[in-house]
Amino acid sequence: MKFRDYYEVLGVARDASAADIKKAFRKLAHMYHPDVAKDRSTAEAKFKELNEANEVLSDPEKRRRYDELGANWNHPERQQSPPQGGFAGGRDEAPEFHFEGTGFSDFFEQFFGSRGRAAHGFGAARAEDAAGGGFGRRGQDIEGDILVTLDEVLHGSARIITLQRTDPRTGRSSTQNLRVKISPGVHEGQLVRLAGKGGEGAGGGEAGNLYLRVKYATHPDFRVQGSDLYCDVELAPWEAVLGATVRVSTLDGTVSLKIPPGTAGEQRLRLRGKGLPAGDGTRGHLYAVVSIQVPTHLTAEQRQTWEQLAATSTFNPRQSS
């Protein structure tokens, strides 16, 4: 298992602030987003790597745990216990599971992901089996994580992941390519089930299931709340005062958004039906959150114009209306 230097991935110092991390991620995610990058295959890999780094460093608790790993990340006492399997031999004979193509590295799964967790506990072992009655034991259900983009949430997709099983008793490994269907409208935290792809059964028992827990890839432009999306739209003061029409990116492409005269900062402007599937055949909305930007460099003529406005305007933002 290879160590992942998440600070290096985002190009920030180890003492970077939360704002610095957010800024670095957004900048790089814009560059490598598969929808805009010229080399899509390379961009997808880089985009997933960026998301993994952001997943850890943007979460205070995960970042603390990551920083505590430090140079001793691969020492035996640092390692989490391997997943339990559905074998009669117990923990020491449990197989190890490794995934490729889910969007997360082995390093992430080992320390921050779901790998090795029993999705629904041991497969039900019958009482007669425990008593030596000869009944088979069902294999354990295994859980991992899968990174899903908002485009996949909207349209659905089919992904091929690789599942490797290693028997610690013999050191032998087997590899299997699995087709994972991502249905439109899949929500974060949902478990995608692959029946019979978990731990092997014992004594003729059936295999367990593999469950992949959905994690949304962080989008550089959109924030998710339920089936609604939020984005930022920056306006010049005169656009907010007089009104304007600006172009806004959505998951369906760029659209025109009408800015009403007198729009205030932090005001939310709704684009109907431009969010994620809501589960009832409809879609949520996209809300553009307004921020008003002021010019920082003025020519002498521009400054004179602003001074004239200040002298003639009766508007006072600190006086209640």
C-alpha atoms as a PDB file:
ATOM      1  CA  MET A   1       0.000   0.000   0.000  1.00  0.00           C
ATOM      2  CA  LYS A   2       1.423   3.340  -1.085  1.00  0.00           C
ATOM      3  CA  PHE A   3       1.331   6.393   1.171  1.00  0.00           C
ATOM      4  CA  ARG A   4      -0.654   9.343  -0.183  1.00  0.00           C
ATOM      5  CA  ASP A   5       0.732  12.801   0.549  1.00  0.00           C
ATOM      6  CA  TYR A   6      -2.493  14.763   0.365  1.00  0.00           C
ATOM      7  CA  TYR A   7      -0.766  18.089   0.995  1.00  0.00           C
ATOM      8  CA  GLU A   8       1.449  17.495  -2.031  1.00  0.00           C
ATOM      9  CA  VAL A   9      -1.567  16.498  -4.142  1.00  0.00           C
ATOM     10  CA  LEU A  10      -3.220  19.861  -3.440  1.00  0.00           C
ATOM     11  CA  GLY A  11       0.059  21.777  -3.498  1.00  0.00           C
ATOM     12  CA  VAL A  12      -0.370  23.306  -0.038  1.00  0.00           C
ATOM     13  CA  ALA A  13       1.789  23.450   3.073  1.00  0.00           C
ATOM     14  CA  ARG A  14       1.059  21.168   6.018  1.00  0.00           C
ATOM     15  CA  ASP A  15      -0.038  24.176   8.061  1.00  0.00           C
ATOM     16  CA  ALA A  16      -2.377  25.448   5.341  1.00  0.00           C
ATOM     17  CA  SER A  17      -5.627  26.962   6.556  1.00  0.00           C
ATOM     18  CA  ALA A  18      -9.038  25.526   5.681  1.00  0.00           C
ATOM     19  CA  ALA A  19      -9.518  28.463   3.293  1.00  0.00           C
ATOM     20  CA  ASP A  20      -6.189  27.723   1.577  1.00  0.00           C
ATOM     21  CA  ILE A  21      -7.157  24.081   1.115  1.00  0.00           C
ATOM     22  CA  LYS A  22     -10.539  25.003  -0.317  1.00  0.00           C
ATOM     23  CA  LYS A  23      -8.972  27.514  -2.713  1.00  0.00           C
ATOM     24  CA  ALA A  24      -6.303  25.051  -3.884  1.00  0.00           C
ATOM     25  CA  PHE A  25      -8.841  22.287  -4.453  1.00  0.00           C
ATOM     26  CA  ARG A  26     -11.194  24.508  -6.438  1.00  0.00           C
ATOM     27  CA  LYS A  27      -8.389  25.777  -8.653  1.00  0.00           C
ATOM     28  CA  LEU A  28      -7.036  22.309  -9.449  1.00  0.00           C
ATOM     29  CA  ALA A  29     -10.489  20.714  -9.734  1.00  0.00           C
ATOM     30  CA  HIS A  30     -11.395  23.293 -12.375  1.00  0.00           C
ATOM     31  CA  MET A  31      -8.251  22.375 -14.313  1.00  0.00           C
ATOM     32  CA  TYR A  32      -8.792  18.614 -14.156  1.00  0.00           C
ATOM     33  CA  HIS A  33     -12.554  18.325 -14.217  1.00  0.00           C
ATOM     34  CA  PRO A  34     -13.329  15.672 -16.875  1.00  0.00           C
ATOM     35  CA  ASP A  35     -15.908  17.944 -18.501  1.00  0.00           C
ATOM     36  CA  VAL A  36     -13.323  20.590 -19.406  1.00  0.00           C
ATOM     37  CA  ALA A  37      -9.947  18.815 -19.598  1.00  0.00           C
ATOM     38  CA  LYS A  38      -8.581  17.907 -23.019  1.00  0.00           C
ATOM     39  CA  ASP A  39      -7.176  14.533 -21.919  1.00  0.00           C
ATOM     40  CA  ARG A  40     -10.259  13.040 -20.262  1.00  0.00           C
ATOM     41  CA  SER A  41      -8.707   9.759 -19.058  1.00  0.00           C
ATOM     42  CA  THR A  42      -5.769  11.488 -17.363  1.00  0.00           C
ATOM     43  CA  ALA A  43      -8.041  14.183 -15.981  1.00  0.00           C
ATOM     44  CA  GLU A  44     -10.421  11.648 -14.412  1.00  0.00           C
ATOM     45  CA  ALA A  45      -7.590   9.998 -12.489  1.00  0.00           C
ATOM     46  CA  LYS A  46      -6.257  13.357 -11.297  1.00  0.00           C
ATOM     47  CA  PHE A  47      -9.742  14.602 -10.399  1.00  0.00           C
ATOM     48  CA  LYS A  48     -10.339  11.533  -8.227  1.00  0.00           C
ATOM     49  CA  GLU A  49      -6.959  11.999  -6.556  1.00  0.00           C
ATOM     50  CA  LEU A  50      -7.835  15.627  -5.793  1.00  0.00           C
ATOM     51  CA  ASN A  51     -11.197  14.611  -4.366  1.00  0.00           C
ATOM     52  CA  GLU A  52      -9.587  12.027  -2.117  1.00  0.00           C
ATOM     53  CA  ALA A  53      -7.112  14.581  -0.775  1.00  0.00           C
ATOM     54  CA  ASN A  54      -9.884  17.130  -0.252  1.00  0.00           C
ATOM     55  CA  GLU A  55     -12.096  14.532   1.437  1.00  0.00           C
ATOM     56  CA  VAL A  56      -9.454  14.121   4.140  1.00  0.00           C
ATOM     57  CA  LEU A  57      -7.932  17.589   4.487  1.00  0.00           C
ATOM     58  CA  SER A  58     -11.217  19.513   4.410  1.00  0.00           C
ATOM     59  CA  ASP A  59     -12.593  17.455   7.296  1.00  0.00           C
ATOM     60  CA  PRO A  60     -11.027  18.600  10.610  1.00  0.00           C
ATOM     61  CA  GLU A  61     -11.278  15.175  12.258  1.00  0.00           C
ATOM     62  CA  LYS A  62      -9.921  13.261   9.265  1.00  0.00           C
ATOM     63  CA  ARG A  63      -7.132  15.807   8.856  1.00  0.00           C
ATOM     64  CA  ARG A  64      -6.185  15.415  12.516  1.00  0.00           C
ATOM     65  CA  ARG A  65      -6.014  11.636  12.147  1.00  0.00           C
ATOM     66  CA  TYR A  66      -4.000  11.976   8.937  1.00  0.00           C
ATOM     67  CA  ASP A  67      -1.502  14.347  10.545  1.00  0.00           C
ATOM     68  CA  GLU A  68      -1.114  11.968  13.493  1.00  0.00           C
ATOM     69  CA  LEU A  69      -0.099   9.165  11.119  1.00  0.00           C
ATOM     70  CA  GLY A  70       2.940  11.167  10.053  1.00  0.00           C
ATOM     71  CA  ALA A  71       6.087   9.281   9.132  1.00  0.00           C
ATOM     72  CA  ASN A  72       4.917   6.244  11.134  1.00  0.00           C
ATOM     73  CA  TRP A  73       1.851   5.643   8.976  1.00  0.00           C
ATOM     74  CA  ASN A  74       2.980   2.107   7.995  1.00  0.00           C
ATOM     75  CA  HIS A  75       4.092   0.871  11.400  1.00  0.00           C
ATOM     76  CA  PRO A  76       2.210  -2.250  12.523  1.00  0.00           C
ATOM     77  CA  GLU A  77       0.621  -0.520  15.500  1.00  0.00           C
ATOM     78  CA  ARG A  78      -0.823   2.087  13.129  1.00  0.00           C
ATOM     79  CA  GLN A  79      -2.591  -0.444  10.944  1.00  0.00           C
ATOM     80  CA  GLN A  80      -6.258  -1.127  11.334  1.00  0.00           C
ATOM     81  CA  SER A  81      -7.294  -4.733  11.679  1.00  0.00           C
ATOM     82  CA  PRO A  82      -8.032  -6.457   8.368  1.00  0.00           C
ATOM     83  CA  PRO A  83     -11.640  -7.210   7.560  1.00  0.00           C
ATOM     84  CA  GLN A  84     -13.260 -10.237   9.125  1.00  0.00           C
ATOM     85  CA  GLY A  85     -14.346 -12.872   6.696  1.00  0.00           C
ATOM     86  CA  GLY A  86     -17.163 -15.373   6.833  1.00  0.00           C
ATOM     87  CA  PHE A  87     -14.811 -18.284   7.498  1.00  0.00           C
ATOM     88  CA  ALA A  88     -15.123 -20.730  10.314  1.00  0.00           C
ATOM     89  CA  GLY A  89     -11.461 -20.162  11.216  1.00  0.00           C
ATOM     90  CA  GLY A  90     -12.088 -16.653  12.633  1.00  0.00           C
ATOM     91  CA  ARG A  91     -10.119 -13.423  12.395  1.00  0.00           C
ATOM     92  CA  ASP A  92      -6.692 -14.883  11.622  1.00  0.00           C
ATOM     93  CA  GLU A  93      -8.026 -16.537   8.473  1.00  0.00           C
ATOM     94  CA  ALA A  94      -9.974 -13.544   7.227  1.00  0.00           C
ATOM     95  CA  PRO A  95      -9.337 -12.623   3.572  1.00  0.00           C
ATOM     96  CA  GLU A  96      -8.096  -9.196   2.570  1.00  0.00           C
ATOM     97  CA  PHE A  97     -10.025  -7.178  -0.006  1.00  0.00           C
ATOM     98  CA  HIS A  98      -8.598  -4.478  -2.267  1.00  0.00           C
ATOM     99  CA  PHE A  99     -10.478  -2.331  -4.770  1.00  0.00           C
ATOM    100  CA  GLU A 100      -9.451  -0.514  -7.922  1.00  0.00           C
ATOM    101  CA  GLY A 101     -11.669   1.752  -9.967  1.00  0.00           C
ATOM    102  CA  THR A 102     -13.812   2.980  -7.083  1.00  0.00           C
ATOM    103  CA  GLY A 103     -12.115   6.382  -7.050  1.00  0.00           C
ATOM    104  CA  PHE A 104     -10.361   5.788  -3.728  1.00  0.00           C
ATOM    105  CA  SER A 105      -6.888   4.412  -3.039  1.00  0.00           C
ATOM    106  CA  ASP A 106      -6.081   1.517  -0.723  1.00  0.00           C
ATOM    107  CA  PHE A 107      -4.473   4.059   1.605  1.00  0.00           C
ATOM    108  CA  PHE A 108      -7.734   6.017   1.913  1.00  0.00           C
ATOM    109  CA  GLU A 109      -9.823   2.884   2.403  1.00  0.00           C
ATOM    110  CA  GLN A 110      -7.463   1.571   5.070  1.00  0.00           C
ATOM    111  CA  PHE A 111      -7.554   4.671   7.254  1.00  0.00           C
ATOM    112  CA  PHE A 112     -10.616   6.714   6.266  1.00  0.00           C
ATOM    113  CA  GLY A 113     -12.950   4.515   4.239  1.00  0.00           C
ATOM    114  CA  SER A 114     -15.386   1.657   4.676  1.00  0.00           C
ATOM    115  CA  ARG A 115     -13.226  -1.245   3.571  1.00  0.00           C
ATOM    116  CA  GLY A 116     -13.306  -4.086   6.037  1.00  0.00           C
ATOM    117  CA  ARG A 117     -16.513  -3.050   7.711  1.00  0.00           C
ATOM    118  CA  ALA A 118     -19.253  -5.645   7.741  1.00  0.00           C
ATOM    119  CA  ALA A 119     -22.114  -3.968   5.948  1.00  0.00           C
ATOM    120  CA  HIS A 120     -24.714  -6.040   7.760  1.00  0.00           C
ATOM    121  CA  GLY A 121     -22.600  -8.099  10.159  1.00  0.00           C
ATOM    122  CA  PHE A 122     -21.773 -11.735   9.662  1.00  0.00           C
ATOM    123  CA  GLY A 123     -23.990 -13.603   7.300  1.00  0.00           C
ATOM    124  CA  ALA A 124     -26.486 -15.401   9.506  1.00  0.00           C
ATOM    125  CA  ALA A 125     -24.881 -18.551  10.851  1.00  0.00           C
ATOM    126  CA  ARG A 126     -27.475 -21.032  11.974  1.00  0.00           C
ATOM    127  CA  ALA A 127     -27.453 -22.295  15.528  1.00  0.00           C
ATOM    128  CA  GLU A 128     -27.009 -25.885  14.306  1.00  0.00           C
ATOM    129  CA  ASP A 129     -23.789 -24.828  12.576  1.00  0.00           C
ATOM    130  CA  ALA A 130     -22.322 -23.396  15.756  1.00  0.00           C
ATOM    131  CA  ALA A 131     -23.258 -26.612  17.511  1.00  0.00           C
ATOM    132  CA  GLY A 132     -21.597 -28.740  14.836  1.00  0.00           C
ATOM    133  CA  GLY A 133     -24.816 -29.625  13.046  1.00  0.00           C
ATOM    134  CA  GLY A 134     -23.154 -29.483   9.625  1.00  0.00           C
ATOM    135  CA  PHE A 135     -24.975 -26.495   8.157  1.00  0.00           C
ATOM    136  CA  GLY A 136     -23.028 -24.119   5.944  1.00  0.00           C
ATOM    137  CA  ARG A 137     -22.032 -20.643   6.995  1.00  0.00           C
ATOM    138  CA  ARG A 138     -22.909 -17.698   4.781  1.00  0.00           C
ATOM    139  CA  GLY A 139     -20.014 -15.492   3.734  1.00  0.00           C
ATOM    140  CA  GLN A 140     -19.589 -12.055   5.241  1.00  0.00           C
ATOM    141  CA  ASP A 141     -20.989  -8.950   3.609  1.00  0.00           C
ATOM    142  CA  ILE A 142     -18.134  -6.571   2.722  1.00  0.00           C
ATOM    143  CA  GLU A 143     -18.350  -2.794   2.399  1.00  0.00           C
ATOM    144  CA  GLY A 144     -16.226  -0.314   0.474  1.00  0.00           C
ATOM    145  CA  ASP A 145     -16.568   3.220  -0.901  1.00  0.00           C
ATOM    146  CA  ILE A 146     -17.212   4.450  -4.422  1.00  0.00           C
ATOM    147  CA  LEU A 147     -16.698   8.015  -5.626  1.00  0.00           C
ATOM    148  CA  VAL A 148     -19.599   9.249  -7.770  1.00  0.00           C
ATOM    149  CA  THR A 149     -19.594  12.491  -9.747  1.00  0.00           C
ATOM    150  CA  LEU A 150     -22.635  14.769  -9.922  1.00  0.00           C
ATOM    151  CA  ASP A 151     -22.882  14.005 -13.635  1.00  0.00           C
ATOM    152  CA  GLU A 152     -23.252  10.317 -12.735  1.00  0.00           C
ATOM    153  CA  VAL A 153     -25.886  11.224 -10.152  1.00  0.00           C
ATOM    154  CA  LEU A 154     -27.819  13.063 -12.849  1.00  0.00           C
ATOM    155  CA  HIS A 155     -27.470  10.627 -15.736  1.00  0.00           C
ATOM    156  CA  GLY A 156     -26.387   7.339 -14.161  1.00  0.00           C
ATOM    157  CA  SER A 157     -23.445   5.286 -15.375  1.00  0.00           C
ATOM    158  CA  ALA A 158     -21.851   1.855 -15.466  1.00  0.00           C
ATOM    159  CA  ARG A 159     -18.420   1.452 -13.891  1.00  0.00           C
ATOM    160  CA  ILE A 160     -15.958  -1.427 -13.943  1.00  0.00           C
ATOM    161  CA  ILE A 161     -14.125  -1.964 -10.663  1.00  0.00           C
ATOM    162  CA  THR A 162     -11.526  -4.578  -9.815  1.00  0.00           C
ATOM    163  CA  LEU A 163     -11.883  -6.611  -6.627  1.00  0.00           C
ATOM    164  CA  GLN A 164      -8.842  -8.503  -5.377  1.00  0.00           C
ATOM    165  CA  ARG A 165      -9.130 -11.123  -2.660  1.00  0.00           C
ATOM    166  CA  THR A 166      -6.040 -12.356  -0.830  1.00  0.00           C
ATOM    167  CA  ASP A 167      -6.025 -15.411   1.429  1.00  0.00           C
ATOM    168  CA  PRO A 168      -3.558 -14.656   4.264  1.00  0.00           C
ATOM    169  CA  ARG A 169      -3.158 -18.378   4.967  1.00  0.00           C
ATOM    170  CA  THR A 170      -1.758 -19.160   1.536  1.00  0.00           C
ATOM    171  CA  GLY A 171      -0.868 -15.710   0.161  1.00  0.00           C
ATOM    172  CA  ARG A 172      -2.839 -16.503  -2.976  1.00  0.00           C
ATOM    173  CA  SER A 173      -4.814 -13.742  -4.638  1.00  0.00           C
ATOM    174  CA  SER A 174      -7.693 -13.776  -7.071  1.00  0.00           C
ATOM    175  CA  THR A 175      -8.864 -10.805  -9.110  1.00  0.00           C
ATOM    176  CA  GLN A 176     -12.304 -10.179 -10.518  1.00  0.00           C
ATOM    177  CA  ASN A 177     -13.667  -7.343 -12.649  1.00  0.00           C
ATOM    178  CA  LEU A 178     -17.146  -6.291 -11.582  1.00  0.00           C
ATOM    179  CA  ARG A 179     -19.683  -4.099 -13.345  1.00  0.00           C
ATOM    180  CA  VAL A 180     -21.256  -1.539 -11.022  1.00  0.00           C
ATOM    181  CA  LYS A 181     -24.426   0.220 -12.112  1.00  0.00           C
ATOM    182  CA  ILE A 182     -24.862   3.748 -10.783  1.00  0.00           C
ATOM    183  CA  SER A 183     -28.546   4.606 -11.058  1.00  0.00           C
ATOM    184  CA  PRO A 184     -29.668   8.203 -11.715  1.00  0.00           C
ATOM    185  CA  GLY A 185     -30.578   9.883  -8.462  1.00  0.00           C
ATOM    186  CA  VAL A 186     -28.307   7.773  -6.274  1.00  0.00           C
ATOM    187  CA  HIS A 187     -27.811   9.650  -3.021  1.00  0.00           C
ATOM    188  CA  GLU A 188     -24.782  10.086  -0.829  1.00  0.00           C
ATOM    189  CA  GLY A 189     -24.397   7.323   1.726  1.00  0.00           C
ATOM    190  CA  GLN A 190     -26.517   4.894  -0.269  1.00  0.00           C
ATOM    191  CA  LEU A 191     -25.224   1.327  -0.508  1.00  0.00           C
ATOM    192  CA  VAL A 192     -24.950  -0.152  -3.993  1.00  0.00           C
ATOM    193  CA  ARG A 193     -25.281  -3.939  -3.661  1.00  0.00           C
ATOM    194  CA  LEU A 194     -23.394  -6.513  -5.718  1.00  0.00           C
ATOM    195  CA  ALA A 195     -25.030  -9.768  -4.756  1.00  0.00           C
ATOM    196  CA  GLY A 196     -22.750 -12.717  -4.033  1.00  0.00           C
ATOM    197  CA  LYS A 197     -19.524 -10.702  -4.437  1.00  0.00           C
ATOM    198  CA  GLY A 198     -18.584 -10.561  -0.757  1.00  0.00           C
ATOM    199  CA  GLY A 199     -16.819 -13.137   1.388  1.00  0.00           C
ATOM    200  CA  GLU A 200     -16.971 -16.765   0.376  1.00  0.00           C
ATOM    201  CA  GLY A 201     -19.199 -19.078   2.370  1.00  0.00           C
ATOM    202  CA  ALA A 202     -17.977 -22.133   4.289  1.00  0.00           C
ATOM    203  CA  GLY A 203     -19.376 -25.640   4.357  1.00  0.00           C
ATOM    204  CA  GLY A 204     -21.453 -25.044   1.249  1.00  0.00           C
ATOM    205  CA  GLY A 205     -22.887 -21.744   2.486  1.00  0.00           C
ATOM    206  CA  GLU A 206     -23.685 -18.991   0.010  1.00  0.00           C
ATOM    207  CA  ALA A 207     -21.365 -16.038  -0.583  1.00  0.00           C
ATOM    208  CA  GLY A 208     -21.996 -12.703   1.073  1.00  0.00           C
ATOM    209  CA  ASN A 209     -22.646  -9.452  -0.745  1.00  0.00           C
ATOM    210  CA  LEU A 210     -20.386  -6.539  -1.596  1.00  0.00           C
ATOM    211  CA  TYR A 211     -21.780  -3.129  -0.675  1.00  0.00           C
ATOM    212  CA  LEU A 212     -20.263   0.064  -2.058  1.00  0.00           C
ATOM    213  CA  ARG A 213     -21.112   3.196  -0.099  1.00  0.00           C
ATOM    214  CA  VAL A 214     -21.662   6.210  -2.368  1.00  0.00           C
ATOM    215  CA  LYS A 215     -19.600   9.320  -1.732  1.00  0.00           C
ATOM    216  CA  TYR A 216     -20.218  12.363  -3.908  1.00  0.00           C
ATOM    217  CA  ALA A 217     -17.160  13.799  -5.616  1.00  0.00           C
ATOM    218  CA  THR A 218     -16.763  17.401  -4.510  1.00  0.00           C
ATOM    219  CA  HIS A 219     -17.570  19.654  -7.450  1.00  0.00           C
ATOM    220  CA  PRO A 220     -15.542  22.864  -7.804  1.00  0.00           C
ATOM    221  CA  ASP A 221     -18.658  24.911  -8.624  1.00  0.00           C
ATOM    222  CA  PHE A 222     -21.613  23.284  -6.890  1.00  0.00           C
ATOM    223  CA  ARG A 223     -22.546  22.491  -3.300  1.00  0.00           C
ATOM    224  CA  VAL A 224     -25.138  19.809  -2.623  1.00  0.00           C
ATOM    225  CA  GLN A 225     -28.040  20.007  -0.195  1.00  0.00           C
ATOM    226  CA  GLY A 226     -30.416  17.132  -0.743  1.00  0.00           C
ATOM    227  CA  SER A 227     -31.512  17.316  -4.365  1.00  0.00           C
ATOM    228  CA  ASP A 228     -30.709  21.037  -4.594  1.00  0.00           C
ATOM    229  CA  LEU A 229     -27.446  22.552  -5.811  1.00  0.00           C
ATOM    230  CA  TYR A 230     -25.887  25.852  -4.784  1.00  0.00           C
ATOM    231  CA  CYS A 231     -23.353  27.920  -6.683  1.00  0.00           C
ATOM    232  CA  ASP A 232     -21.874  31.400  -6.344  1.00  0.00           C
ATOM    233  CA  VAL A 233     -22.492  34.225  -8.790  1.00  0.00           C
ATOM    234  CA  GLU A 234     -20.367  37.363  -8.534  1.00  0.00           C
ATOM    235  CA  LEU A 235     -21.850  40.711  -9.523  1.00  0.00           C
ATOM    236  CA  ALA A 236     -20.458  44.197 -10.005  1.00  0.00           C
ATOM    237  CA  PRO A 237     -22.216  46.842  -7.882  1.00  0.00           C
ATOM    238  CA  TRP A 238     -23.959  48.347 -10.903  1.00  0.00           C
ATOM    239  CA  GLU A 239     -25.249  44.924 -11.983  1.00  0.00           C
ATOM    240  CA  ALA A 240     -26.779  44.422  -8.547  1.00  0.00           C
ATOM    241  CA  VAL A 241     -28.299  47.934  -8.532  1.00  0.00           C
ATOM    242  CA  LEU A 242     -29.537  48.161 -12.118  1.00  0.00           C
ATOM    243  CA  GLY A 243     -30.099  44.478 -12.913  1.00  0.00           C
ATOM    244  CA  ALA A 244     -28.358  42.409 -15.543  1.00  0.00           C
ATOM    245  CA  THR A 245     -28.306  39.105 -17.361  1.00  0.00           C
ATOM    246  CA  VAL A 246     -25.336  36.852 -16.597  1.00  0.00           C
ATOM    247  CA  ARG A 247     -24.257  33.393 -17.696  1.00  0.00           C
ATOM    248  CA  VAL A 248     -24.310  30.635 -15.082  1.00  0.00           C
ATOM    249  CA  SER A 249     -22.965  27.085 -15.371  1.00  0.00           C
ATOM    250  CA  THR A 250     -25.308  24.182 -14.589  1.00  0.00           C
ATOM    251  CA  LEU A 251     -24.971  20.390 -14.910  1.00  0.00           C
ATOM    252  CA  ASP A 252     -26.872  20.724 -18.199  1.00  0.00           C
ATOM    253  CA  GLY A 253     -24.678  23.476 -19.640  1.00  0.00           C
ATOM    254  CA  THR A 254     -24.506  27.239 -19.409  1.00  0.00           C
ATOM    255  CA  VAL A 255     -27.753  29.207 -19.092  1.00  0.00           C
ATOM    256  CA  SER A 256     -28.761  32.859 -18.760  1.00  0.00           C
ATOM    257  CA  LEU A 257     -29.788  34.136 -15.341  1.00  0.00           C
ATOM    258  CA  LYS A 258     -31.722  37.388 -14.995  1.00  0.00           C
ATOM    259  CA  ILE A 259     -30.556  39.571 -12.109  1.00  0.00           C
ATOM    260  CA  PRO A 260     -33.426  41.748 -10.822  1.00  0.00           C
ATOM    261  CA  PRO A 261     -32.646  45.414 -10.055  1.00  0.00           C
ATOM    262  CA  GLY A 262     -31.795  45.945  -6.403  1.00  0.00           C
ATOM    263  CA  THR A 263     -30.365  42.463  -5.823  1.00  0.00           C
ATOM    264  CA  ALA A 264     -28.581  42.205  -2.464  1.00  0.00           C
ATOM    265  CA  GLY A 265     -25.519  40.225  -1.458  1.00  0.00           C
ATOM    266  CA  GLU A 266     -26.230  36.654  -0.223  1.00  0.00           C
ATOM    267  CA  GLN A 267     -29.565  36.698  -2.057  1.00  0.00           C
ATOM    268  CA  ARG A 268     -30.446  33.338  -3.621  1.00  0.00           C
ATOM    269  CA  LEU A 269     -31.749  33.267  -7.174  1.00  0.00           C
ATOM    270  CA  ARG A 270     -33.471  30.040  -8.196  1.00  0.00           C
ATOM    271  CA  LEU A 271     -33.054  28.140 -11.432  1.00  0.00           C
ATOM    272  CA  ARG A 272     -35.917  25.659 -11.425  1.00  0.00           C
ATOM    273  CA  GLY A 273     -35.226  22.019 -12.218  1.00  0.00           C
ATOM    274  CA  LYS A 274     -31.455  22.439 -12.566  1.00  0.00           C
ATOM    275  CA  GLY A 275     -30.569  20.404  -9.492  1.00  0.00           C
ATOM    276  CA  LEU A 276     -30.234  16.652  -8.935  1.00  0.00           C
ATOM    277  CA  PRO A 277     -32.949  14.000  -9.360  1.00  0.00           C
ATOM    278  CA  ALA A 278     -35.389  14.234  -6.447  1.00  0.00           C
ATOM    279  CA  GLY A 279     -36.568  10.615  -6.602  1.00  0.00           C
ATOM    280  CA  ASP A 280     -40.131  11.334  -7.758  1.00  0.00           C
ATOM    281  CA  GLY A 281     -39.383  11.968 -11.419  1.00  0.00           C
ATOM    282  CA  THR A 282     -38.581  15.611 -10.778  1.00  0.00           C
ATOM    283  CA  ARG A 283     -35.350  17.460 -10.155  1.00  0.00           C
ATOM    284  CA  GLY A 284     -34.280  19.821  -7.431  1.00  0.00           C
ATOM    285  CA  HIS A 285     -33.290  23.404  -8.090  1.00  0.00           C
ATOM    286  CA  LEU A 286     -30.030  25.268  -8.558  1.00  0.00           C
ATOM    287  CA  TYR A 287     -29.654  28.315  -6.330  1.00  0.00           C
ATOM    288  CA  ALA A 288     -27.209  31.018  -7.368  1.00  0.00           C
ATOM    289  CA  VAL A 289     -25.949  32.798  -4.251  1.00  0.00           C
ATOM    290  CA  VAL A 290     -25.054  36.419  -4.969  1.00  0.00           C
ATOM    291  CA  SER A 291     -21.832  38.066  -3.879  1.00  0.00           C
ATOM    292  CA  ILE A 292     -21.105  41.673  -4.844  1.00  0.00           C
ATOM    293  CA  GLN A 293     -17.530  42.439  -5.833  1.00  0.00           C
ATOM    294  CA  VAL A 294     -16.066  45.938  -5.837  1.00  0.00           C
ATOM    295  CA  PRO A 295     -13.256  47.185  -8.082  1.00  0.00           C
ATOM    296  CA  THR A 296      -9.932  47.543  -6.263  1.00  0.00           C
ATOM    297  CA  HIS A 297      -8.007  49.487  -8.912  1.00  0.00           C
ATOM    298  CA  LEU A 298      -9.496  52.689 -10.279  1.00  0.00           C
ATOM    299  CA  THR A 299      -8.367  55.215 -12.837  1.00  0.00           C
ATOM    300  CA  ALA A 300      -8.647  58.891 -11.961  1.00  0.00           C
ATOM    301  CA  GLU A 301     -11.759  59.173 -14.120  1.00  0.00           C
ATOM    302  CA  GLN A 302     -13.398  56.151 -12.507  1.00  0.00           C
ATOM    303  CA  ARG A 303     -12.635  57.457  -9.030  1.00  0.00           C
ATOM    304  CA  GLN A 304     -14.246  60.769  -9.944  1.00  0.00           C
ATOM    305  CA  THR A 305     -17.381  58.954 -11.053  1.00  0.00           C
ATOM    306  CA  TRP A 306     -17.610  57.070  -7.751  1.00  0.00           C
ATOM    307  CA  GLU A 307     -16.992  60.267  -5.791  1.00  0.00           C
ATOM    308  CA  GLN A 308     -19.778  62.000  -7.684  1.00  0.00           C
ATOM    309  CA  LEU A 309     -22.131  59.121  -6.882  1.00  0.00           C
ATOM    310  CA  ALA A 310     -21.159  59.266  -3.215  1.00  0.00           C
ATOM    311  CA  ALA A 311     -21.841  62.997  -3.128  1.00  0.00           C
ATOM    312  CA  THR A 312     -25.274  62.785  -4.728  1.00  0.00           C
ATOM    313  CA  SER A 313     -26.654  59.501  -3.346  1.00  0.00           C
ATOM    314  CA  THR A 314     -28.925  59.509  -0.297  1.00  0.00           C
ATOM    315  CA  PHE A 315     -28.474  55.775   0.306  1.00  0.00           C
ATOM    316  CA  ASN A 316     -27.126  54.860   3.750  1.00  0.00           C
ATOM    317  CA  PRO A 317     -26.661  51.111   4.367  1.00  0.00           C
ATOM    318  CA  ARG A 318     -26.235  51.679   8.127  1.00  0.00           C
ATOM    319  CA  GLN A 319     -29.537  53.490   8.502  1.00  0.00           C
ATOM    320  CA  SER A 320     -32.613  51.333   8.940  1.00  0.00           C
ATOM    321  CA  SER A 321     -35.348  51.985   6.412  1.00  0.00           C
END
